[in-house]
Amino acid sequence: MKPFLFAAAQPLLLAMALLGSLPASAQDGNAALYDAVAPAGSAYIRVLNLAPGGAEMMVSGKSAAQKVGAGQLGNYLFITPGAHKVTVNQSSVEINLQPKTAMTLVYNGSGLVQIADEYVEDTKKAQIAFYNLTDKPMALKTLDGKHAVVDGVAQNGTGTRMVNEVKIGFAAYAGEQNVAKFGELFLKKGRSYSYVVVPEGSGYRAIGLMNGLDSIK
């Protein structure tokens, strides 16, 4: 495997390469790769469903709900910037999102926790966001633990990094202990990826995926 080369760290940036920001020719040629088309200046919201059952997110101004399975991280839903009421099952929150901002709502079955995902546009690197939703500091590292990708993330914190395009697997480490492994993904330049570690039973569970977009009218 070719060497895994890190770009300079950029803390607290969730980079999302969006189809709406690409030239029309790139949109036509890569439509299948970039999900739905987001209007320029949109805001973005998604749900991390940690409840034992399915979740449905309703956003004011939308006529249908976005469904997210138990233990899953939903796609970003792009919405018109401004004030919205967001309801996930029986839990609601009032939010006010500015243009080109993103938010993850963590749903645990009884309430919602807001995580602000700062937004940048960059098509030259692959972007990684690591979410540590445990009660201890964690780091996202290569599987062998030799290289920290996103280091020193506090409990219930996040951190990000931009990297070169590569196919690779990661693991969440608490100190020197590998506590959860993420499946191998091909990190494509111009795309963003989320890696989440959450408590499960007496251990931890890893969620890793390429971020996507949904359009609901």
N, C-alpha and C. Protein backbone atom coordinates (compact mmCIF):
# COMPACT_ATOMS: atom_id res chain seq x y z
N MET A 1 0.84 -1.19 0.00
CA MET A 1 0.00 0.00 0.00
C MET A 1 0.87 1.24 0.00
N LYS A 2 0.46 2.26 -0.77
CA LYS A 2 1.26 3.48 -0.82
C LYS A 2 1.25 4.17 0.53
N PRO A 3 2.28 4.95 0.86
CA PRO A 3 2.35 5.61 2.16
C PRO A 3 1.13 6.47 2.40
N PHE A 4 0.70 6.52 3.67
CA PHE A 4 -0.44 7.34 4.06
C PHE A 4 0.10 8.69 4.49
N LEU A 5 -0.14 9.70 3.68
CA LEU A 5 0.43 11.02 3.91
C LEU A 5 -0.61 11.95 4.48
N PHE A 6 -0.29 12.56 5.62
CA PHE A 6 -1.22 13.46 6.28
C PHE A 6 -1.01 14.88 5.79
N ALA A 7 -2.09 15.59 5.62
CA ALA A 7 -2.01 17.03 5.40
C ALA A 7 -1.95 17.71 6.76
N ALA A 8 -1.68 18.99 6.75
CA ALA A 8 -1.64 19.75 8.00
C ALA A 8 -2.99 19.67 8.70
N ALA A 9 -2.97 19.53 10.00
CA ALA A 9 -4.20 19.41 10.77
C ALA A 9 -4.98 20.70 10.72
N GLN A 10 -6.32 20.58 10.65
CA GLN A 10 -7.20 21.73 10.71
C GLN A 10 -8.30 21.43 11.72
N PRO A 11 -8.07 21.72 13.01
CA PRO A 11 -9.00 21.35 14.05
C PRO A 11 -10.38 21.94 13.85
N LEU A 12 -11.40 21.16 14.22
CA LEU A 12 -12.77 21.61 14.28
C LEU A 12 -13.32 22.09 12.95
N LEU A 13 -12.91 21.45 11.87
CA LEU A 13 -13.47 21.75 10.57
C LEU A 13 -14.06 20.48 10.00
N LEU A 14 -15.37 20.49 9.74
CA LEU A 14 -15.98 19.36 9.03
C LEU A 14 -16.08 19.77 7.58
N ALA A 15 -15.21 19.23 6.73
CA ALA A 15 -15.20 19.64 5.33
C ALA A 15 -16.19 18.79 4.57
N MET A 16 -17.06 19.43 3.84
CA MET A 16 -18.06 18.72 3.05
C MET A 16 -17.94 19.17 1.60
N ALA A 17 -17.55 18.27 0.70
CA ALA A 17 -17.48 18.61 -0.71
C ALA A 17 -18.87 18.40 -1.31
N LEU A 18 -19.53 19.47 -1.68
CA LEU A 18 -20.93 19.41 -2.07
C LEU A 18 -21.07 19.59 -3.57
N LEU A 19 -22.00 18.87 -4.15
CA LEU A 19 -22.23 18.97 -5.58
C LEU A 19 -22.60 20.38 -5.98
N GLY A 20 -23.35 21.06 -5.15
CA GLY A 20 -23.78 22.40 -5.49
C GLY A 20 -22.64 23.37 -5.68
N SER A 21 -21.45 23.05 -5.18
CA SER A 21 -20.31 23.96 -5.31
C SER A 21 -19.45 23.65 -6.52
N LEU A 22 -19.78 22.61 -7.28
CA LEU A 22 -18.96 22.21 -8.41
C LEU A 22 -19.45 22.86 -9.69
N PRO A 23 -18.57 23.00 -10.69
CA PRO A 23 -19.01 23.50 -11.99
C PRO A 23 -20.05 22.57 -12.59
N ALA A 24 -20.87 23.11 -13.51
CA ALA A 24 -21.96 22.32 -14.09
C ALA A 24 -21.43 21.09 -14.79
N SER A 25 -20.28 21.17 -15.47
CA SER A 25 -19.73 20.01 -16.17
C SER A 25 -19.38 18.91 -15.21
N ALA A 26 -18.84 19.27 -14.03
CA ALA A 26 -18.50 18.26 -13.02
C ALA A 26 -19.75 17.65 -12.45
N GLN A 27 -20.81 18.47 -12.27
CA GLN A 27 -22.07 17.94 -11.76
C GLN A 27 -22.61 16.88 -12.70
N ASP A 28 -22.61 17.19 -14.03
CA ASP A 28 -23.17 16.24 -14.99
C ASP A 28 -22.38 14.95 -15.02
N GLY A 29 -21.05 15.02 -14.90
CA GLY A 29 -20.22 13.84 -15.03
C GLY A 29 -20.13 13.01 -13.78
N ASN A 30 -20.48 13.59 -12.63
CA ASN A 30 -20.29 12.88 -11.37
C ASN A 30 -21.55 12.86 -10.52
N ALA A 31 -22.71 12.99 -11.14
CA ALA A 31 -23.94 13.09 -10.38
C ALA A 31 -24.15 11.90 -9.46
N ALA A 32 -23.79 10.70 -9.94
CA ALA A 32 -24.01 9.51 -9.14
C ALA A 32 -23.13 9.47 -7.90
N LEU A 33 -22.03 10.23 -7.92
CA LEU A 33 -21.09 10.21 -6.81
C LEU A 33 -21.45 11.20 -5.71
N TYR A 34 -22.30 12.18 -6.03
CA TYR A 34 -22.46 13.31 -5.12
C TYR A 34 -23.87 13.47 -4.58
N ASP A 35 -24.68 12.42 -4.62
CA ASP A 35 -25.99 12.43 -4.01
C ASP A 35 -26.87 13.53 -4.61
N ALA A 36 -27.63 14.20 -3.75
CA ALA A 36 -28.55 15.23 -4.21
C ALA A 36 -27.81 16.54 -4.48
N VAL A 37 -28.49 17.45 -5.17
CA VAL A 37 -27.91 18.75 -5.49
C VAL A 37 -28.37 19.78 -4.46
N ALA A 38 -27.43 20.40 -3.77
CA ALA A 38 -27.75 21.39 -2.75
C ALA A 38 -27.66 22.78 -3.34
N PRO A 39 -28.70 23.61 -3.16
CA PRO A 39 -28.62 25.00 -3.62
C PRO A 39 -27.48 25.74 -2.91
N ALA A 40 -26.88 26.69 -3.61
CA ALA A 40 -25.81 27.48 -3.02
C ALA A 40 -26.30 28.17 -1.75
N GLY A 41 -25.45 28.17 -0.72
CA GLY A 41 -25.79 28.84 0.53
C GLY A 41 -26.70 28.06 1.45
N SER A 42 -26.90 26.78 1.18
CA SER A 42 -27.77 25.97 2.04
C SER A 42 -27.14 25.76 3.42
N ALA A 43 -27.98 25.35 4.37
CA ALA A 43 -27.52 24.86 5.67
C ALA A 43 -27.79 23.36 5.70
N TYR A 44 -27.13 22.64 6.64
CA TYR A 44 -27.17 21.18 6.62
C TYR A 44 -27.38 20.64 8.03
N ILE A 45 -28.20 19.60 8.13
CA ILE A 45 -28.47 19.00 9.43
C ILE A 45 -28.66 17.49 9.26
N ARG A 46 -28.22 16.73 10.25
CA ARG A 46 -28.40 15.28 10.21
C ARG A 46 -28.59 14.76 11.62
N VAL A 47 -28.94 13.48 11.71
CA VAL A 47 -29.19 12.83 13.00
C VAL A 47 -28.26 11.63 13.18
N LEU A 48 -27.66 11.54 14.35
CA LEU A 48 -26.99 10.33 14.79
C LEU A 48 -27.95 9.66 15.76
N ASN A 49 -28.53 8.55 15.35
CA ASN A 49 -29.57 7.90 16.13
C ASN A 49 -28.98 6.82 17.03
N LEU A 50 -28.83 7.14 18.31
CA LEU A 50 -28.30 6.18 19.27
C LEU A 50 -29.40 5.49 20.07
N ALA A 51 -30.64 5.69 19.67
CA ALA A 51 -31.77 5.04 20.33
C ALA A 51 -31.88 3.59 19.83
N PRO A 52 -32.56 2.73 20.62
CA PRO A 52 -32.68 1.32 20.21
C PRO A 52 -33.62 1.10 19.03
N GLY A 53 -34.45 2.09 18.72
CA GLY A 53 -35.37 1.97 17.60
C GLY A 53 -35.11 3.02 16.54
N GLY A 54 -35.89 2.97 15.48
CA GLY A 54 -35.73 3.92 14.39
C GLY A 54 -36.10 5.33 14.80
N ALA A 55 -35.60 6.29 14.06
CA ALA A 55 -35.89 7.70 14.32
C ALA A 55 -36.38 8.36 13.04
N GLU A 56 -37.28 9.33 13.20
CA GLU A 56 -37.76 10.13 12.09
C GLU A 56 -37.54 11.59 12.40
N MET A 57 -36.82 12.29 11.52
CA MET A 57 -36.55 13.70 11.73
C MET A 57 -37.44 14.53 10.82
N MET A 58 -38.19 15.45 11.45
CA MET A 58 -39.01 16.40 10.72
C MET A 58 -38.42 17.79 10.92
N VAL A 59 -38.29 18.54 9.85
CA VAL A 59 -37.79 19.90 9.89
C VAL A 59 -38.88 20.83 9.39
N SER A 60 -39.12 21.91 10.10
CA SER A 60 -40.15 22.85 9.67
C SER A 60 -39.87 23.32 8.25
N GLY A 61 -40.93 23.37 7.46
CA GLY A 61 -40.78 23.72 6.06
C GLY A 61 -40.68 22.53 5.14
N LYS A 62 -40.49 21.34 5.72
CA LYS A 62 -40.44 20.11 4.94
C LYS A 62 -41.75 19.33 5.13
N SER A 63 -42.19 18.66 4.08
CA SER A 63 -43.46 17.95 4.15
C SER A 63 -43.30 16.47 4.51
N ALA A 64 -42.07 15.97 4.52
CA ALA A 64 -41.82 14.56 4.82
C ALA A 64 -40.68 14.42 5.81
N ALA A 65 -40.62 13.27 6.46
CA ALA A 65 -39.60 13.00 7.46
C ALA A 65 -38.43 12.25 6.84
N GLN A 66 -37.25 12.44 7.44
CA GLN A 66 -36.08 11.63 7.09
C GLN A 66 -35.99 10.50 8.11
N LYS A 67 -35.88 9.28 7.65
CA LYS A 67 -35.83 8.13 8.54
C LYS A 67 -34.38 7.68 8.71
N VAL A 68 -34.01 7.41 9.98
CA VAL A 68 -32.66 6.95 10.31
C VAL A 68 -32.78 5.73 11.20
N GLY A 69 -32.17 4.65 10.81
CA GLY A 69 -32.26 3.41 11.56
C GLY A 69 -31.55 3.46 12.90
N ALA A 70 -31.88 2.51 13.76
CA ALA A 70 -31.26 2.43 15.08
C ALA A 70 -29.75 2.30 14.95
N GLY A 71 -29.01 3.12 15.71
CA GLY A 71 -27.56 3.04 15.72
C GLY A 71 -26.89 3.58 14.48
N GLN A 72 -27.62 4.33 13.66
CA GLN A 72 -27.06 4.79 12.39
C GLN A 72 -26.90 6.31 12.36
N LEU A 73 -26.02 6.75 11.48
CA LEU A 73 -25.79 8.17 11.23
C LEU A 73 -26.43 8.51 9.90
N GLY A 74 -27.39 9.43 9.92
CA GLY A 74 -28.12 9.78 8.70
C GLY A 74 -27.33 10.69 7.79
N ASN A 75 -27.79 10.79 6.55
CA ASN A 75 -27.23 11.75 5.61
C ASN A 75 -27.56 13.17 6.05
N TYR A 76 -26.75 14.13 5.60
CA TYR A 76 -27.08 15.53 5.82
C TYR A 76 -28.30 15.89 4.97
N LEU A 77 -29.25 16.55 5.59
CA LEU A 77 -30.40 17.10 4.90
C LEU A 77 -30.15 18.58 4.68
N PHE A 78 -30.18 19.04 3.42
CA PHE A 78 -29.94 20.46 3.21
C PHE A 78 -31.25 21.23 3.29
N ILE A 79 -31.19 22.37 3.98
CA ILE A 79 -32.36 23.16 4.28
C ILE A 79 -32.07 24.63 4.01
N THR A 80 -33.12 25.42 3.95
CA THR A 80 -32.97 26.86 3.82
C THR A 80 -32.43 27.43 5.12
N PRO A 81 -31.40 28.27 5.08
CA PRO A 81 -30.88 28.86 6.32
C PRO A 81 -31.96 29.63 7.06
N GLY A 82 -31.78 29.74 8.37
CA GLY A 82 -32.72 30.47 9.20
C GLY A 82 -33.22 29.64 10.36
N ALA A 83 -34.30 30.12 10.99
CA ALA A 83 -34.86 29.45 12.17
C ALA A 83 -35.73 28.27 11.75
N HIS A 84 -35.52 27.14 12.42
CA HIS A 84 -36.30 25.93 12.15
C HIS A 84 -36.60 25.21 13.47
N LYS A 85 -37.71 24.52 13.47
CA LYS A 85 -38.01 23.56 14.53
C LYS A 85 -37.72 22.18 13.99
N VAL A 86 -36.88 21.46 14.71
CA VAL A 86 -36.51 20.10 14.30
C VAL A 86 -37.04 19.13 15.33
N THR A 87 -37.78 18.12 14.86
CA THR A 87 -38.36 17.12 15.75
C THR A 87 -37.84 15.74 15.35
N VAL A 88 -37.30 15.03 16.32
CA VAL A 88 -36.88 13.65 16.12
C VAL A 88 -37.72 12.79 17.06
N ASN A 89 -38.60 12.00 16.47
CA ASN A 89 -39.60 11.25 17.24
C ASN A 89 -40.36 12.22 18.15
N GLN A 90 -40.22 12.11 19.47
CA GLN A 90 -40.95 12.98 20.39
C GLN A 90 -40.11 14.13 20.93
N SER A 91 -38.88 14.27 20.48
CA SER A 91 -37.99 15.31 20.99
C SER A 91 -37.84 16.42 19.95
N SER A 92 -37.90 17.67 20.42
CA SER A 92 -37.82 18.82 19.51
C SER A 92 -36.78 19.82 19.99
N VAL A 93 -36.25 20.59 19.04
CA VAL A 93 -35.29 21.63 19.36
C VAL A 93 -35.47 22.75 18.35
N GLU A 94 -35.30 23.98 18.82
CA GLU A 94 -35.33 25.15 17.94
C GLU A 94 -33.89 25.48 17.55
N ILE A 95 -33.62 25.61 16.25
CA ILE A 95 -32.27 25.92 15.79
C ILE A 95 -32.32 27.11 14.83
N ASN A 96 -31.21 27.77 14.69
CA ASN A 96 -31.09 28.87 13.73
C ASN A 96 -29.76 28.68 13.00
N LEU A 97 -29.82 28.17 11.79
CA LEU A 97 -28.62 27.85 11.03
C LEU A 97 -28.33 28.92 9.99
N GLN A 98 -27.09 29.35 9.95
CA GLN A 98 -26.64 30.31 8.96
C GLN A 98 -26.29 29.58 7.65
N PRO A 99 -26.18 30.30 6.54
CA PRO A 99 -25.76 29.66 5.28
C PRO A 99 -24.39 29.00 5.43
N LYS A 100 -24.23 27.88 4.77
CA LYS A 100 -22.97 27.13 4.78
C LYS A 100 -22.53 26.77 6.19
N THR A 101 -23.47 26.29 6.98
CA THR A 101 -23.17 25.72 8.30
C THR A 101 -23.81 24.34 8.37
N ALA A 102 -23.30 23.50 9.26
CA ALA A 102 -23.80 22.14 9.38
C ALA A 102 -23.93 21.77 10.85
N MET A 103 -24.87 20.86 11.13
CA MET A 103 -25.11 20.43 12.50
C MET A 103 -25.46 18.95 12.54
N THR A 104 -24.94 18.26 13.55
CA THR A 104 -25.33 16.88 13.84
C THR A 104 -26.13 16.88 15.13
N LEU A 105 -27.31 16.27 15.10
CA LEU A 105 -28.13 16.11 16.30
C LEU A 105 -27.99 14.67 16.78
N VAL A 106 -27.53 14.51 18.01
CA VAL A 106 -27.39 13.18 18.60
C VAL A 106 -28.67 12.87 19.36
N TYR A 107 -29.36 11.82 18.94
CA TYR A 107 -30.63 11.42 19.55
C TYR A 107 -30.45 10.14 20.34
N ASN A 108 -30.77 10.19 21.64
CA ASN A 108 -30.58 9.02 22.50
C ASN A 108 -31.89 8.36 22.92
N GLY A 109 -32.99 8.77 22.30
CA GLY A 109 -34.28 8.20 22.65
C GLY A 109 -35.11 9.08 23.54
N SER A 110 -34.46 10.02 24.22
CA SER A 110 -35.20 10.90 25.14
C SER A 110 -34.86 12.37 24.96
N GLY A 111 -33.86 12.69 24.16
CA GLY A 111 -33.47 14.07 23.97
C GLY A 111 -32.48 14.22 22.84
N LEU A 112 -32.14 15.48 22.54
CA LEU A 112 -31.25 15.80 21.44
C LEU A 112 -30.08 16.64 21.92
N VAL A 113 -28.89 16.29 21.47
CA VAL A 113 -27.68 17.06 21.76
C VAL A 113 -27.16 17.61 20.44
N GLN A 114 -26.87 18.92 20.40
CA GLN A 114 -26.43 19.57 19.18
C GLN A 114 -24.90 19.58 19.10
N ILE A 115 -24.38 19.18 17.95
CA ILE A 115 -22.94 19.28 17.66
C ILE A 115 -22.78 20.16 16.43
N ALA A 116 -22.11 21.29 16.57
CA ALA A 116 -21.88 22.17 15.44
C ALA A 116 -20.74 21.62 14.60
N ASP A 117 -21.02 21.37 13.33
CA ASP A 117 -20.03 20.86 12.39
C ASP A 117 -19.63 22.01 11.47
N GLU A 118 -18.50 22.63 11.76
CA GLU A 118 -18.09 23.76 10.93
C GLU A 118 -17.83 23.30 9.50
N TYR A 119 -18.09 24.20 8.59
CA TYR A 119 -18.17 23.84 7.17
C TYR A 119 -17.11 24.58 6.34
N VAL A 120 -16.39 23.81 5.53
CA VAL A 120 -15.52 24.42 4.52
C VAL A 120 -15.68 23.64 3.23
N GLU A 121 -15.32 24.25 2.12
CA GLU A 121 -15.34 23.58 0.83
C GLU A 121 -13.90 23.38 0.37
N ASP A 122 -13.56 22.12 0.11
CA ASP A 122 -12.20 21.82 -0.35
C ASP A 122 -12.26 20.53 -1.14
N THR A 123 -11.85 20.58 -2.40
CA THR A 123 -11.92 19.40 -3.26
C THR A 123 -10.57 18.75 -3.50
N LYS A 124 -9.52 19.22 -2.81
CA LYS A 124 -8.18 18.71 -3.07
C LYS A 124 -7.77 17.58 -2.13
N LYS A 125 -8.45 17.42 -1.02
CA LYS A 125 -8.12 16.38 -0.04
C LYS A 125 -9.39 15.64 0.37
N ALA A 126 -9.20 14.52 1.06
CA ALA A 126 -10.31 13.84 1.73
C ALA A 126 -10.38 14.37 3.16
N GLN A 127 -11.60 14.59 3.63
CA GLN A 127 -11.78 15.19 4.94
C GLN A 127 -12.34 14.17 5.93
N ILE A 128 -11.72 14.11 7.11
CA ILE A 128 -12.10 13.16 8.15
C ILE A 128 -12.60 13.92 9.37
N ALA A 129 -13.75 13.52 9.89
CA ALA A 129 -14.25 14.07 11.15
C ALA A 129 -14.39 12.92 12.14
N PHE A 130 -13.80 13.07 13.31
CA PHE A 130 -13.85 12.05 14.36
C PHE A 130 -14.69 12.56 15.52
N TYR A 131 -15.72 11.78 15.87
CA TYR A 131 -16.63 12.11 16.96
C TYR A 131 -16.40 11.14 18.12
N ASN A 132 -16.00 11.65 19.25
CA ASN A 132 -15.79 10.82 20.44
C ASN A 132 -16.96 11.05 21.40
N LEU A 133 -17.91 10.13 21.39
CA LEU A 133 -19.10 10.26 22.23
C LEU A 133 -19.02 9.35 23.44
N THR A 134 -17.80 9.13 23.93
CA THR A 134 -17.58 8.31 25.11
C THR A 134 -17.24 9.21 26.30
N ASP A 135 -16.95 8.59 27.43
CA ASP A 135 -16.66 9.35 28.65
C ASP A 135 -15.16 9.47 28.92
N LYS A 136 -14.34 9.20 27.90
CA LYS A 136 -12.89 9.33 28.08
C LYS A 136 -12.25 9.87 26.82
N PRO A 137 -11.06 10.47 26.92
CA PRO A 137 -10.39 10.98 25.72
C PRO A 137 -10.06 9.84 24.75
N MET A 138 -10.15 10.15 23.47
CA MET A 138 -9.89 9.16 22.42
C MET A 138 -9.06 9.80 21.31
N ALA A 139 -8.44 8.94 20.52
CA ALA A 139 -7.74 9.37 19.31
C ALA A 139 -8.13 8.43 18.17
N LEU A 140 -8.21 8.98 16.97
CA LEU A 140 -8.40 8.17 15.78
C LEU A 140 -7.02 7.92 15.19
N LYS A 141 -6.66 6.62 15.07
CA LYS A 141 -5.32 6.27 14.61
C LYS A 141 -5.41 5.23 13.49
N THR A 142 -4.26 5.01 12.83
CA THR A 142 -4.17 3.88 11.93
C THR A 142 -4.35 2.60 12.76
N LEU A 143 -4.73 1.51 12.09
CA LEU A 143 -5.07 0.29 12.82
C LEU A 143 -3.96 -0.19 13.74
N ASP A 144 -2.71 -0.01 13.31
CA ASP A 144 -1.59 -0.48 14.13
C ASP A 144 -1.25 0.48 15.27
N GLY A 145 -1.93 1.61 15.32
CA GLY A 145 -1.70 2.56 16.40
C GLY A 145 -0.46 3.43 16.25
N LYS A 146 0.26 3.30 15.13
CA LYS A 146 1.53 4.02 14.99
C LYS A 146 1.35 5.49 14.58
N HIS A 147 0.22 5.80 13.93
CA HIS A 147 0.03 7.16 13.43
C HIS A 147 -1.31 7.70 13.90
N ALA A 148 -1.30 8.83 14.58
CA ALA A 148 -2.53 9.49 14.99
C ALA A 148 -3.06 10.32 13.84
N VAL A 149 -4.33 10.13 13.52
CA VAL A 149 -4.97 10.90 12.46
C VAL A 149 -5.66 12.13 13.06
N VAL A 150 -6.48 11.90 14.07
CA VAL A 150 -7.09 12.98 14.85
C VAL A 150 -6.81 12.65 16.30
N ASP A 151 -5.94 13.43 16.92
CA ASP A 151 -5.43 13.09 18.26
C ASP A 151 -6.09 13.94 19.34
N GLY A 152 -6.11 13.39 20.55
CA GLY A 152 -6.49 14.16 21.72
C GLY A 152 -7.90 14.72 21.70
N VAL A 153 -8.89 13.92 21.28
CA VAL A 153 -10.27 14.39 21.26
C VAL A 153 -10.91 14.09 22.61
N ALA A 154 -11.37 15.13 23.28
CA ALA A 154 -11.94 14.99 24.61
C ALA A 154 -13.27 14.25 24.56
N GLN A 155 -13.70 13.80 25.72
CA GLN A 155 -14.98 13.11 25.79
C GLN A 155 -16.09 14.01 25.24
N ASN A 156 -16.99 13.40 24.45
CA ASN A 156 -18.08 14.12 23.81
C ASN A 156 -17.57 15.28 22.95
N GLY A 157 -16.39 15.11 22.37
CA GLY A 157 -15.80 16.13 21.51
C GLY A 157 -15.63 15.65 20.09
N THR A 158 -15.17 16.57 19.22
CA THR A 158 -14.92 16.25 17.82
C THR A 158 -13.60 16.86 17.38
N GLY A 159 -13.06 16.34 16.31
CA GLY A 159 -11.87 16.90 15.68
C GLY A 159 -11.81 16.43 14.25
N THR A 160 -11.10 17.16 13.39
CA THR A 160 -11.03 16.79 11.99
C THR A 160 -9.62 16.91 11.44
N ARG A 161 -9.42 16.32 10.27
CA ARG A 161 -8.14 16.41 9.58
C ARG A 161 -8.36 16.15 8.09
N MET A 162 -7.54 16.77 7.29
CA MET A 162 -7.58 16.55 5.84
C MET A 162 -6.40 15.67 5.45
N VAL A 163 -6.66 14.67 4.60
CA VAL A 163 -5.63 13.72 4.22
C VAL A 163 -5.64 13.50 2.72
N ASN A 164 -4.56 12.92 2.23
CA ASN A 164 -4.48 12.55 0.82
C ASN A 164 -5.40 11.36 0.54
N GLU A 165 -5.77 11.21 -0.71
CA GLU A 165 -6.63 10.11 -1.12
C GLU A 165 -5.93 8.78 -0.87
N VAL A 166 -6.63 7.85 -0.22
CA VAL A 166 -6.03 6.57 0.15
C VAL A 166 -7.12 5.60 0.59
N LYS A 167 -6.87 4.31 0.45
CA LYS A 167 -7.76 3.28 0.98
C LYS A 167 -7.15 2.77 2.28
N ILE A 168 -7.89 2.88 3.39
CA ILE A 168 -7.29 2.58 4.69
C ILE A 168 -8.37 2.34 5.75
N GLY A 169 -8.01 1.62 6.79
CA GLY A 169 -8.87 1.44 7.95
C GLY A 169 -8.30 2.17 9.15
N PHE A 170 -9.14 2.52 10.09
CA PHE A 170 -8.72 3.23 11.29
C PHE A 170 -9.22 2.50 12.53
N ALA A 171 -8.80 3.00 13.68
CA ALA A 171 -9.28 2.49 14.97
C ALA A 171 -9.33 3.63 15.96
N ALA A 172 -10.23 3.51 16.93
CA ALA A 172 -10.30 4.46 18.04
C ALA A 172 -9.42 3.92 19.16
N TYR A 173 -8.57 4.77 19.67
CA TYR A 173 -7.65 4.40 20.74
C TYR A 173 -7.91 5.24 21.98
N ALA A 174 -7.96 4.56 23.12
CA ALA A 174 -7.96 5.22 24.42
C ALA A 174 -6.56 4.99 24.99
N GLY A 175 -5.71 6.01 24.92
CA GLY A 175 -4.31 5.81 25.27
C GLY A 175 -3.67 4.88 24.26
N GLU A 176 -3.09 3.79 24.73
CA GLU A 176 -2.47 2.81 23.85
C GLU A 176 -3.39 1.64 23.52
N GLN A 177 -4.62 1.69 24.00
CA GLN A 177 -5.55 0.57 23.81
C GLN A 177 -6.46 0.81 22.61
N ASN A 178 -6.47 -0.15 21.71
CA ASN A 178 -7.38 -0.14 20.57
C ASN A 178 -8.75 -0.61 21.06
N VAL A 179 -9.75 0.29 21.05
CA VAL A 179 -11.04 -0.04 21.64
C VAL A 179 -12.13 -0.27 20.60
N ALA A 180 -11.93 0.18 19.36
CA ALA A 180 -12.95 -0.02 18.33
C ALA A 180 -12.32 0.16 16.96
N LYS A 181 -12.61 -0.77 16.04
CA LYS A 181 -12.04 -0.71 14.70
C LYS A 181 -13.08 -0.26 13.69
N PHE A 182 -12.64 0.57 12.74
CA PHE A 182 -13.47 1.03 11.65
C PHE A 182 -13.11 0.25 10.39
N GLY A 183 -14.10 -0.11 9.61
CA GLY A 183 -13.85 -0.81 8.37
C GLY A 183 -13.06 0.04 7.39
N GLU A 184 -12.37 -0.63 6.48
CA GLU A 184 -11.55 0.07 5.49
C GLU A 184 -12.43 0.81 4.50
N LEU A 185 -12.08 2.06 4.22
CA LEU A 185 -12.78 2.88 3.24
C LEU A 185 -11.76 3.48 2.27
N PHE A 186 -12.21 3.72 1.06
CA PHE A 186 -11.38 4.47 0.11
C PHE A 186 -11.72 5.94 0.27
N LEU A 187 -10.80 6.70 0.85
CA LEU A 187 -11.02 8.11 1.11
C LEU A 187 -10.73 8.89 -0.16
N LYS A 188 -11.77 9.42 -0.78
CA LYS A 188 -11.65 10.10 -2.06
C LYS A 188 -11.48 11.60 -1.85
N LYS A 189 -10.62 12.20 -2.63
CA LYS A 189 -10.47 13.65 -2.53
C LYS A 189 -11.79 14.32 -2.90
N GLY A 190 -12.08 15.39 -2.17
CA GLY A 190 -13.32 16.11 -2.41
C GLY A 190 -14.52 15.53 -1.69
N ARG A 191 -14.34 14.47 -0.91
CA ARG A 191 -15.43 13.90 -0.12
C ARG A 191 -15.10 13.99 1.35
N SER A 192 -16.12 13.89 2.19
CA SER A 192 -15.92 13.96 3.63
C SER A 192 -16.44 12.68 4.28
N TYR A 193 -15.81 12.32 5.41
CA TYR A 193 -16.08 11.04 6.08
C TYR A 193 -16.24 11.27 7.57
N SER A 194 -17.14 10.50 8.17
CA SER A 194 -17.36 10.59 9.61
C SER A 194 -16.98 9.28 10.28
N TYR A 195 -16.25 9.41 11.38
CA TYR A 195 -15.87 8.27 12.22
C TYR A 195 -16.36 8.57 13.63
N VAL A 196 -17.23 7.70 14.13
CA VAL A 196 -17.88 7.94 15.42
C VAL A 196 -17.61 6.74 16.33
N VAL A 197 -17.23 7.00 17.57
CA VAL A 197 -17.11 5.93 18.56
C VAL A 197 -18.09 6.22 19.70
N VAL A 198 -18.90 5.22 20.04
CA VAL A 198 -19.94 5.36 21.06
C VAL A 198 -19.86 4.19 22.02
N PRO A 199 -20.30 4.38 23.27
CA PRO A 199 -20.34 3.26 24.21
C PRO A 199 -21.37 2.22 23.76
N GLU A 200 -21.06 0.97 24.01
CA GLU A 200 -22.02 -0.10 23.75
C GLU A 200 -21.75 -1.24 24.73
N GLY A 201 -22.70 -1.49 25.62
CA GLY A 201 -22.50 -2.50 26.65
C GLY A 201 -21.31 -2.15 27.51
N SER A 202 -20.40 -3.11 27.66
CA SER A 202 -19.18 -2.85 28.43
C SER A 202 -18.03 -2.37 27.57
N GLY A 203 -18.30 -2.17 26.26
CA GLY A 203 -17.24 -1.74 25.35
C GLY A 203 -17.65 -0.55 24.52
N TYR A 204 -17.22 -0.56 23.25
CA TYR A 204 -17.47 0.57 22.37
C TYR A 204 -17.84 0.06 20.98
N ARG A 205 -18.53 0.91 20.24
CA ARG A 205 -18.92 0.58 18.87
C ARG A 205 -18.44 1.68 17.93
N ALA A 206 -18.01 1.28 16.74
CA ALA A 206 -17.50 2.21 15.75
C ALA A 206 -18.50 2.36 14.61
N ILE A 207 -18.69 3.60 14.17
CA ILE A 207 -19.51 3.91 13.00
C ILE A 207 -18.63 4.72 12.05
N GLY A 208 -18.42 4.22 10.85
CA GLY A 208 -17.60 4.94 9.88
C GLY A 208 -18.25 4.93 8.51
N LEU A 209 -18.36 6.10 7.88
CA LEU A 209 -19.00 6.16 6.57
C LEU A 209 -18.62 7.43 5.82
N MET A 210 -18.90 7.41 4.51
CA MET A 210 -18.77 8.61 3.70
C MET A 210 -20.05 9.42 3.85
N ASN A 211 -19.90 10.71 4.11
CA ASN A 211 -21.07 11.55 4.30
C ASN A 211 -21.86 11.69 3.00
N GLY A 212 -23.18 11.72 3.13
CA GLY A 212 -24.06 11.89 1.98
C GLY A 212 -25.06 13.00 2.20
N LEU A 213 -25.82 13.30 1.17
CA LEU A 213 -26.83 14.35 1.21
C LEU A 213 -28.19 13.79 0.87
N ASP A 214 -29.20 14.33 1.52
CA ASP A 214 -30.60 13.99 1.20
C ASP A 214 -31.35 15.26 0.84
N SER A 215 -32.33 15.10 -0.03
CA SER A 215 -33.23 16.20 -0.37
C SER A 215 -34.65 15.78 -0.05
N ILE A 216 -35.32 16.52 0.83
CA ILE A 216 -36.71 16.25 1.18
C ILE A 216 -37.47 17.54 1.00
N LYS A 217 -38.55 17.51 0.23
CA LYS A 217 -39.31 18.74 -0.03
C LYS A 217 -40.30 19.01 1.08
